[in-house]
Amino acid sequence: MAQDKGGRAPGMELLEEALSLVMNRKKAGEAVDRMEEAFGSLAAVFRAPQGQLEDVAQLEEVPRRYLQLTLELARSYLEDQAGQMLRIYDLRSRADAFRPKFLGKKNEIVCLMLLDGRGHLRYNDVLLEGSVSEVPIYLRKIVRLCIEYQVQQVALAHNHPSGNPAPSRGDMLATCRVALALESIDAQLVDHLIFTEDDMFSFQESGMLGSILRHSLSLHKETLTVLEEIYKQLPPV
């Protein structure tokens, strides 16, 4: 890793300069030393859970709040930059738009991205603070937002604080249920991303999304066929 002139990882000198505005310069340097030793880089400091960061930095109230606001401001800037993208057209652009939502999150959250037919970003926000498997809680909201924004493409994302990006059975089931719900309003699930601190899984890139969509469509058709047969056997009213 490249080092700043002072021997620090890139950006850590700037962090020390910022903290020295609200505290003793020596103490600011010691706090940055602890953060660099614990996290290794400025990016890792930004991703660190708030409680863990506070334990490592050992700052008093004003510097602690100053650091928290500095990190929140940086996250807001990244989200604003991502939100101004004209088009979300591939895995990388989806990931770049989603990732700031998960910085520093130690609990699982679910995020939703809505795109129009040409891939223009219409909506990108946290949908639920909880497990992605809690589909009934947010499924109606997804459908409602799709109708309100008149979009045709939807991307879902959530995080695995455990550090393992591999999808669980619950993740696969949630993906299937969301895909089925979207089909009923002529919208399409284009991807479901799972983020960890330094890794990511894409249902679309892995080919798993295609299999789920085919299975969902087949299941939907079978259900309609069964319902039609039941209705045929009902006595006339």
C-alpha atoms as a PDB file:
ATOM      1  CA  MET A   1       0.000   0.000   0.000  1.00  0.00           C
ATOM      2  CA  ALA A   2       1.269   3.481  -0.890  1.00  0.00           C
ATOM      3  CA  GLN A   3       2.148   5.723   2.043  1.00  0.00           C
ATOM      4  CA  ASP A   4       1.733   9.455   2.643  1.00  0.00           C
ATOM      5  CA  LYS A   5       4.845  11.501   3.280  1.00  0.00           C
ATOM      6  CA  GLY A   6       4.467  10.950   6.997  1.00  0.00           C
ATOM      7  CA  GLY A   7       4.477   7.170   6.553  1.00  0.00           C
ATOM      8  CA  ARG A   8       0.733   6.826   6.972  1.00  0.00           C
ATOM      9  CA  ALA A   9      -1.717   5.079   4.676  1.00  0.00           C
ATOM     10  CA  PRO A  10      -3.227   7.470   2.078  1.00  0.00           C
ATOM     11  CA  GLY A  11      -5.731   9.869   3.613  1.00  0.00           C
ATOM     12  CA  MET A  12      -4.794   9.259   7.243  1.00  0.00           C
ATOM     13  CA  GLU A  13      -2.680  12.444   7.384  1.00  0.00           C
ATOM     14  CA  LEU A  14      -5.757  14.402   6.291  1.00  0.00           C
ATOM     15  CA  LEU A  15      -7.808  12.705   8.990  1.00  0.00           C
ATOM     16  CA  GLU A  16      -5.219  13.761  11.578  1.00  0.00           C
ATOM     17  CA  GLU A  17      -5.307  17.343  10.253  1.00  0.00           C
ATOM     18  CA  ALA A  18      -9.110  17.373  10.492  1.00  0.00           C
ATOM     19  CA  LEU A  19      -9.178  16.053  14.064  1.00  0.00           C
ATOM     20  CA  SER A  20      -6.471  18.506  15.163  1.00  0.00           C
ATOM     21  CA  LEU A  21      -8.949  21.319  14.474  1.00  0.00           C
ATOM     22  CA  VAL A  22     -11.037  20.237  17.463  1.00  0.00           C
ATOM     23  CA  MET A  23      -8.445  18.608  19.756  1.00  0.00           C
ATOM     24  CA  ASN A  24      -4.788  18.595  20.727  1.00  0.00           C
ATOM     25  CA  ARG A  25      -2.563  17.736  17.737  1.00  0.00           C
ATOM     26  CA  LYS A  26      -0.627  15.075  19.636  1.00  0.00           C
ATOM     27  CA  LYS A  27      -3.813  13.365  20.831  1.00  0.00           C
ATOM     28  CA  ALA A  28      -5.221  13.557  17.302  1.00  0.00           C
ATOM     29  CA  GLY A  29      -2.117  11.804  15.986  1.00  0.00           C
ATOM     30  CA  GLU A  30      -2.391   9.109  18.647  1.00  0.00           C
ATOM     31  CA  ALA A  31      -6.067   8.535  17.797  1.00  0.00           C
ATOM     32  CA  VAL A  32      -5.259   8.224  14.087  1.00  0.00           C
ATOM     33  CA  ASP A  33      -2.411   5.816  14.944  1.00  0.00           C
ATOM     34  CA  ARG A  34      -4.894   3.594  16.783  1.00  0.00           C
ATOM     35  CA  MET A  35      -7.383   3.731  13.907  1.00  0.00           C
ATOM     36  CA  GLU A  36      -4.720   2.948  11.321  1.00  0.00           C
ATOM     37  CA  GLU A  37      -3.407   0.029  13.368  1.00  0.00           C
ATOM     38  CA  ALA A  38      -6.905  -1.383  13.843  1.00  0.00           C
ATOM     39  CA  PHE A  39      -8.357  -0.774  10.372  1.00  0.00           C
ATOM     40  CA  GLY A  40      -5.362  -0.348   8.054  1.00  0.00           C
ATOM     41  CA  SER A  41      -6.782   2.251   5.667  1.00  0.00           C
ATOM     42  CA  LEU A  42      -9.033   5.290   5.475  1.00  0.00           C
ATOM     43  CA  ALA A  43     -11.588   3.291   3.477  1.00  0.00           C
ATOM     44  CA  ALA A  44     -11.741   0.703   6.276  1.00  0.00           C
ATOM     45  CA  VAL A  45     -12.223   3.494   8.828  1.00  0.00           C
ATOM     46  CA  PHE A  46     -15.214   4.717   6.798  1.00  0.00           C
ATOM     47  CA  ARG A  47     -16.683   1.208   6.689  1.00  0.00           C
ATOM     48  CA  ALA A  48     -16.124   0.438  10.372  1.00  0.00           C
ATOM     49  CA  PRO A  49     -19.207   0.097  12.618  1.00  0.00           C
ATOM     50  CA  GLN A  50     -19.692   3.247  14.679  1.00  0.00           C
ATOM     51  CA  GLY A  51     -19.323   1.504  18.029  1.00  0.00           C
ATOM     52  CA  GLN A  52     -16.097  -0.243  17.027  1.00  0.00           C
ATOM     53  CA  LEU A  53     -14.668   2.997  15.645  1.00  0.00           C
ATOM     54  CA  GLU A  54     -15.423   4.834  18.890  1.00  0.00           C
ATOM     55  CA  ASP A  55     -13.786   2.075  20.956  1.00  0.00           C
ATOM     56  CA  VAL A  56     -10.613   2.245  18.856  1.00  0.00           C
ATOM     57  CA  ALA A  57     -10.341   6.040  18.500  1.00  0.00           C
ATOM     58  CA  GLN A  58     -11.013   6.727  22.218  1.00  0.00           C
ATOM     59  CA  LEU A  59     -12.062  10.320  21.560  1.00  0.00           C
ATOM     60  CA  GLU A  60     -13.776  12.760  23.885  1.00  0.00           C
ATOM     61  CA  GLU A  61     -17.299  13.994  23.108  1.00  0.00           C
ATOM     62  CA  VAL A  62     -16.540  16.895  20.724  1.00  0.00           C
ATOM     63  CA  PRO A  63     -13.840  15.143  18.619  1.00  0.00           C
ATOM     64  CA  ARG A  64     -15.951  11.962  18.601  1.00  0.00           C
ATOM     65  CA  ARG A  65     -18.964  13.848  17.257  1.00  0.00           C
ATOM     66  CA  TYR A  66     -16.748  15.723  14.781  1.00  0.00           C
ATOM     67  CA  LEU A  67     -15.363  12.449  13.416  1.00  0.00           C
ATOM     68  CA  GLN A  68     -18.855  10.971  13.183  1.00  0.00           C
ATOM     69  CA  LEU A  69     -20.166  13.988  11.249  1.00  0.00           C
ATOM     70  CA  THR A  70     -17.127  13.953   8.948  1.00  0.00           C
ATOM     71  CA  LEU A  71     -17.745  10.321   8.025  1.00  0.00           C
ATOM     72  CA  GLU A  72     -21.492  10.906   7.600  1.00  0.00           C
ATOM     73  CA  LEU A  73     -20.771  13.878   5.326  1.00  0.00           C
ATOM     74  CA  ALA A  74     -18.455  11.752   3.179  1.00  0.00           C
ATOM     75  CA  ARG A  75     -21.073   8.996   2.918  1.00  0.00           C
ATOM     76  CA  SER A  76     -23.736  11.521   1.936  1.00  0.00           C
ATOM     77  CA  TYR A  77     -21.432  12.896  -0.749  1.00  0.00           C
ATOM     78  CA  LEU A  78     -20.831   9.418  -2.174  1.00  0.00           C
ATOM     79  CA  GLU A  79     -24.566   8.695  -2.199  1.00  0.00           C
ATOM     80  CA  ASP A  80     -25.309  12.024  -3.867  1.00  0.00           C
ATOM     81  CA  GLN A  81     -22.690  11.363  -6.540  1.00  0.00           C
ATOM     82  CA  ALA A  82     -24.140   7.911  -7.167  1.00  0.00           C
ATOM     83  CA  GLY A  83     -27.658   9.344  -7.338  1.00  0.00           C
ATOM     84  CA  GLN A  84     -26.638  11.748 -10.092  1.00  0.00           C
ATOM     85  CA  MET A  85     -25.584   8.957 -12.445  1.00  0.00           C
ATOM     86  CA  LEU A  86     -27.594   9.247 -15.633  1.00  0.00           C
ATOM     87  CA  ARG A  87     -27.799   5.530 -16.174  1.00  0.00           C
ATOM     88  CA  ILE A  88     -27.286   2.328 -14.213  1.00  0.00           C
ATOM     89  CA  TYR A  89     -26.223  -0.024 -16.966  1.00  0.00           C
ATOM     90  CA  ASP A  90     -24.144  -2.862 -15.505  1.00  0.00           C
ATOM     91  CA  LEU A  91     -23.040  -4.629 -12.323  1.00  0.00           C
ATOM     92  CA  ARG A  92     -20.347  -2.084 -11.505  1.00  0.00           C
ATOM     93  CA  SER A  93     -22.687   0.914 -11.763  1.00  0.00           C
ATOM     94  CA  ARG A  94     -25.278  -0.881  -9.614  1.00  0.00           C
ATOM     95  CA  ALA A  95     -22.658  -1.721  -7.002  1.00  0.00           C
ATOM     96  CA  ASP A  96     -21.247   1.830  -6.989  1.00  0.00           C
ATOM     97  CA  ALA A  97     -24.722   3.247  -6.374  1.00  0.00           C
ATOM     98  CA  PHE A  98     -25.608   0.739  -3.644  1.00  0.00           C
ATOM     99  CA  ARG A  99     -22.361   0.400  -1.675  1.00  0.00           C
ATOM    100  CA  PRO A 100     -22.411   3.746   0.208  1.00  0.00           C
ATOM    101  CA  LYS A 101     -25.689   2.638   1.821  1.00  0.00           C
ATOM    102  CA  PHE A 102     -23.861  -0.151   3.656  1.00  0.00           C
ATOM    103  CA  LEU A 103     -20.766   1.695   4.888  1.00  0.00           C
ATOM    104  CA  GLY A 104     -20.347   1.141   8.609  1.00  0.00           C
ATOM    105  CA  LYS A 105     -23.554  -0.878   8.960  1.00  0.00           C
ATOM    106  CA  LYS A 106     -23.227  -3.674  11.514  1.00  0.00           C
ATOM    107  CA  ASN A 107     -26.859  -4.790  11.194  1.00  0.00           C
ATOM    108  CA  GLU A 108     -28.562  -6.173   8.103  1.00  0.00           C
ATOM    109  CA  ILE A 109     -30.418  -3.674   5.917  1.00  0.00           C
ATOM    110  CA  VAL A 110     -32.277  -4.034   2.617  1.00  0.00           C
ATOM    111  CA  CYS A 111     -31.963  -1.420  -0.139  1.00  0.00           C
ATOM    112  CA  LEU A 112     -34.027  -0.847  -3.263  1.00  0.00           C
ATOM    113  CA  MET A 113     -33.094   0.681  -6.615  1.00  0.00           C
ATOM    114  CA  LEU A 114     -35.680   1.609  -9.241  1.00  0.00           C
ATOM    115  CA  LEU A 115     -34.790   2.226 -12.904  1.00  0.00           C
ATOM    116  CA  ASP A 116     -36.869   3.304 -15.855  1.00  0.00           C
ATOM    117  CA  GLY A 117     -36.882   1.403 -19.141  1.00  0.00           C
ATOM    118  CA  ARG A 118     -33.632   3.039 -20.276  1.00  0.00           C
ATOM    119  CA  GLY A 119     -31.816   2.380 -17.020  1.00  0.00           C
ATOM    120  CA  HIS A 120     -32.114   5.892 -15.593  1.00  0.00           C
ATOM    121  CA  LEU A 121     -31.956   5.927 -11.792  1.00  0.00           C
ATOM    122  CA  ARG A 122     -35.293   6.953 -10.295  1.00  0.00           C
ATOM    123  CA  TYR A 123     -34.988   5.763  -6.685  1.00  0.00           C
ATOM    124  CA  ASN A 124     -32.215   4.401  -4.461  1.00  0.00           C
ATOM    125  CA  ASP A 125     -32.799   4.135  -0.716  1.00  0.00           C
ATOM    126  CA  VAL A 126     -32.934   1.898   2.355  1.00  0.00           C
ATOM    127  CA  LEU A 127     -36.097  -0.182   2.232  1.00  0.00           C
ATOM    128  CA  LEU A 128     -35.860  -1.993   5.556  1.00  0.00           C
ATOM    129  CA  GLU A 129     -33.549  -2.254   8.546  1.00  0.00           C
ATOM    130  CA  GLY A 130     -33.785  -5.988   9.074  1.00  0.00           C
ATOM    131  CA  SER A 131     -33.406  -9.310   7.292  1.00  0.00           C
ATOM    132  CA  VAL A 132     -34.101  -9.651   3.567  1.00  0.00           C
ATOM    133  CA  SER A 133     -36.123 -12.768   4.459  1.00  0.00           C
ATOM    134  CA  GLU A 134     -38.817 -10.504   5.970  1.00  0.00           C
ATOM    135  CA  VAL A 135     -40.415 -10.270   2.509  1.00  0.00           C
ATOM    136  CA  PRO A 136     -44.031  -9.630   3.589  1.00  0.00           C
ATOM    137  CA  ILE A 137     -42.917  -6.478   5.408  1.00  0.00           C
ATOM    138  CA  TYR A 138     -41.519  -4.752   2.336  1.00  0.00           C
ATOM    139  CA  LEU A 139     -43.081  -6.484  -0.685  1.00  0.00           C
ATOM    140  CA  ARG A 140     -46.095  -4.161  -0.804  1.00  0.00           C
ATOM    141  CA  LYS A 141     -43.812  -1.153  -0.491  1.00  0.00           C
ATOM    142  CA  ILE A 142     -41.729  -2.330  -3.468  1.00  0.00           C
ATOM    143  CA  VAL A 143     -44.836  -2.741  -5.617  1.00  0.00           C
ATOM    144  CA  ARG A 144     -46.231   0.618  -4.481  1.00  0.00           C
ATOM    145  CA  LEU A 145     -42.966   2.442  -5.244  1.00  0.00           C
ATOM    146  CA  CYS A 146     -42.707   0.793  -8.665  1.00  0.00           C
ATOM    147  CA  ILE A 147     -46.190   2.017  -9.533  1.00  0.00           C
ATOM    148  CA  GLU A 148     -45.557   5.508  -8.131  1.00  0.00           C
ATOM    149  CA  TYR A 149     -42.286   5.925 -10.039  1.00  0.00           C
ATOM    150  CA  GLN A 150     -43.593   4.091 -13.132  1.00  0.00           C
ATOM    151  CA  VAL A 151     -40.458   1.977 -13.457  1.00  0.00           C
ATOM    152  CA  GLN A 152     -39.771  -1.260 -15.280  1.00  0.00           C
ATOM    153  CA  GLN A 153     -36.497  -2.397 -13.674  1.00  0.00           C
ATOM    154  CA  VAL A 154     -35.741  -3.136 -10.033  1.00  0.00           C
ATOM    155  CA  ALA A 155     -32.536  -4.038  -8.207  1.00  0.00           C
ATOM    156  CA  LEU A 156     -32.385  -5.279  -4.630  1.00  0.00           C
ATOM    157  CA  ALA A 157     -29.406  -5.294  -2.261  1.00  0.00           C
ATOM    158  CA  HIS A 158     -28.691  -6.269   1.313  1.00  0.00           C
ATOM    159  CA  ASN A 159     -25.633  -6.875   3.453  1.00  0.00           C
ATOM    160  CA  HIS A 160     -24.220  -9.845   5.339  1.00  0.00           C
ATOM    161  CA  PRO A 161     -22.482  -8.434   8.450  1.00  0.00           C
ATOM    162  CA  SER A 162     -21.040 -11.926   9.022  1.00  0.00           C
ATOM    163  CA  GLY A 163     -18.606 -11.310   6.139  1.00  0.00           C
ATOM    164  CA  ASN A 164     -19.769 -14.207   3.948  1.00  0.00           C
ATOM    165  CA  PRO A 165     -21.478 -12.947   0.752  1.00  0.00           C
ATOM    166  CA  ALA A 166     -22.850 -16.359  -0.266  1.00  0.00           C
ATOM    167  CA  PRO A 167     -26.670 -16.306  -0.554  1.00  0.00           C
ATOM    168  CA  SER A 168     -28.687 -18.274   1.981  1.00  0.00           C
ATOM    169  CA  ARG A 169     -31.851 -20.226   1.202  1.00  0.00           C
ATOM    170  CA  GLY A 170     -33.789 -17.322   2.658  1.00  0.00           C
ATOM    171  CA  ASP A 171     -32.049 -14.945   0.246  1.00  0.00           C
ATOM    172  CA  MET A 172     -32.981 -17.165  -2.701  1.00  0.00           C
ATOM    173  CA  LEU A 173     -36.593 -17.464  -1.559  1.00  0.00           C
ATOM    174  CA  ALA A 174     -36.857 -13.699  -1.063  1.00  0.00           C
ATOM    175  CA  THR A 175     -35.459 -13.140  -4.564  1.00  0.00           C
ATOM    176  CA  CYS A 176     -38.037 -15.525  -6.015  1.00  0.00           C
ATOM    177  CA  ARG A 177     -40.944 -13.874  -4.187  1.00  0.00           C
ATOM    178  CA  VAL A 178     -39.886 -10.374  -5.215  1.00  0.00           C
ATOM    179  CA  ALA A 179     -39.491 -11.500  -8.844  1.00  0.00           C
ATOM    180  CA  LEU A 180     -43.005 -12.986  -8.836  1.00  0.00           C
ATOM    181  CA  ALA A 181     -44.519  -9.848  -7.332  1.00  0.00           C
ATOM    182  CA  LEU A 182     -42.799  -7.637  -9.899  1.00  0.00           C
ATOM    183  CA  GLU A 183     -44.000  -9.812 -12.760  1.00  0.00           C
ATOM    184  CA  SER A 184     -47.584  -9.040 -11.762  1.00  0.00           C
ATOM    185  CA  ILE A 185     -47.006  -5.326 -12.493  1.00  0.00           C
ATOM    186  CA  ASP A 186     -44.869  -5.841 -15.633  1.00  0.00           C
ATOM    187  CA  ALA A 187     -41.622  -4.951 -13.880  1.00  0.00           C
ATOM    188  CA  GLN A 188     -38.434  -7.021 -13.770  1.00  0.00           C
ATOM    189  CA  LEU A 189     -35.890  -7.811 -11.080  1.00  0.00           C
ATOM    190  CA  VAL A 190     -32.537  -7.157 -12.807  1.00  0.00           C
ATOM    191  CA  ASP A 191     -30.251  -8.070  -9.905  1.00  0.00           C
ATOM    192  CA  HIS A 192     -29.990  -8.822  -6.205  1.00  0.00           C
ATOM    193  CA  LEU A 193     -26.647  -7.913  -4.644  1.00  0.00           C
ATOM    194  CA  ILE A 194     -25.236  -9.081  -1.326  1.00  0.00           C
ATOM    195  CA  PHE A 195     -22.516  -6.901   0.210  1.00  0.00           C
ATOM    196  CA  THR A 196     -19.932  -7.602   2.882  1.00  0.00           C
ATOM    197  CA  GLU A 197     -17.226  -5.218   4.045  1.00  0.00           C
ATOM    198  CA  ASP A 198     -14.875  -6.140   1.197  1.00  0.00           C
ATOM    199  CA  ASP A 199     -16.763  -8.541  -1.074  1.00  0.00           C
ATOM    200  CA  MET A 200     -19.979  -8.815  -3.051  1.00  0.00           C
ATOM    201  CA  PHE A 201     -22.255 -11.427  -4.639  1.00  0.00           C
ATOM    202  CA  SER A 202     -24.508 -10.775  -7.637  1.00  0.00           C
ATOM    203  CA  PHE A 203     -27.471 -13.036  -8.384  1.00  0.00           C
ATOM    204  CA  GLN A 204     -27.420 -11.786 -11.976  1.00  0.00           C
ATOM    205  CA  GLU A 205     -23.695 -12.304 -12.591  1.00  0.00           C
ATOM    206  CA  SER A 206     -23.732 -15.766 -11.005  1.00  0.00           C
ATOM    207  CA  GLY A 207     -26.570 -16.901 -13.284  1.00  0.00           C
ATOM    208  CA  MET A 208     -28.713 -17.672 -10.259  1.00  0.00           C
ATOM    209  CA  LEU A 209     -31.170 -14.872 -11.050  1.00  0.00           C
ATOM    210  CA  GLY A 210     -31.906 -16.313 -14.497  1.00  0.00           C
ATOM    211  CA  SER A 211     -32.662 -19.702 -12.963  1.00  0.00           C
ATOM    212  CA  ILE A 212     -34.913 -18.118 -10.341  1.00  0.00           C
ATOM    213  CA  LEU A 213     -36.797 -16.087 -12.957  1.00  0.00           C
ATOM    214  CA  ARG A 214     -37.351 -19.160 -15.135  1.00  0.00           C
ATOM    215  CA  HIS A 215     -38.519 -21.166 -12.135  1.00  0.00           C
ATOM    216  CA  SER A 216     -40.783 -18.320 -10.980  1.00  0.00           C
ATOM    217  CA  LEU A 217     -42.379 -17.997 -14.426  1.00  0.00           C
ATOM    218  CA  SER A 218     -42.933 -21.749 -14.649  1.00  0.00           C
ATOM    219  CA  LEU A 219     -44.416 -21.836 -11.146  1.00  0.00           C
ATOM    220  CA  HIS A 220     -46.648 -18.880 -11.956  1.00  0.00           C
ATOM    221  CA  LYS A 221     -47.991 -20.559 -15.092  1.00  0.00           C
ATOM    222  CA  GLU A 222     -48.613 -23.827 -13.223  1.00  0.00           C
ATOM    223  CA  THR A 223     -50.510 -21.939 -10.516  1.00  0.00           C
ATOM    224  CA  LEU A 224     -52.691 -20.202 -13.092  1.00  0.00           C
ATOM    225  CA  THR A 225     -53.408 -23.524 -14.810  1.00  0.00           C
ATOM    226  CA  VAL A 226     -54.447 -25.147 -11.524  1.00  0.00           C
ATOM    227  CA  LEU A 227     -56.682 -22.174 -10.658  1.00  0.00           C
ATOM    228  CA  GLU A 228     -58.331 -22.310 -14.080  1.00  0.00           C
ATOM    229  CA  GLU A 229     -59.096 -26.017 -13.602  1.00  0.00           C
ATOM    230  CA  ILE A 230     -60.579 -25.323 -10.161  1.00  0.00           C
ATOM    231  CA  TYR A 231     -62.769 -22.528 -11.529  1.00  0.00           C
ATOM    232  CA  LYS A 232     -64.028 -24.803 -14.327  1.00  0.00           C
ATOM    233  CA  GLN A 233     -65.219 -27.336 -11.756  1.00  0.00           C
ATOM    234  CA  LEU A 234     -67.098 -24.781  -9.669  1.00  0.00           C
ATOM    235  CA  PRO A 235     -70.896 -24.813 -10.089  1.00  0.00           C
ATOM    236  CA  PRO A 236     -72.343 -21.805 -11.920  1.00  0.00           C
ATOM    237  CA  VAL A 237     -73.566 -19.004  -9.675  1.00  0.00           C
END
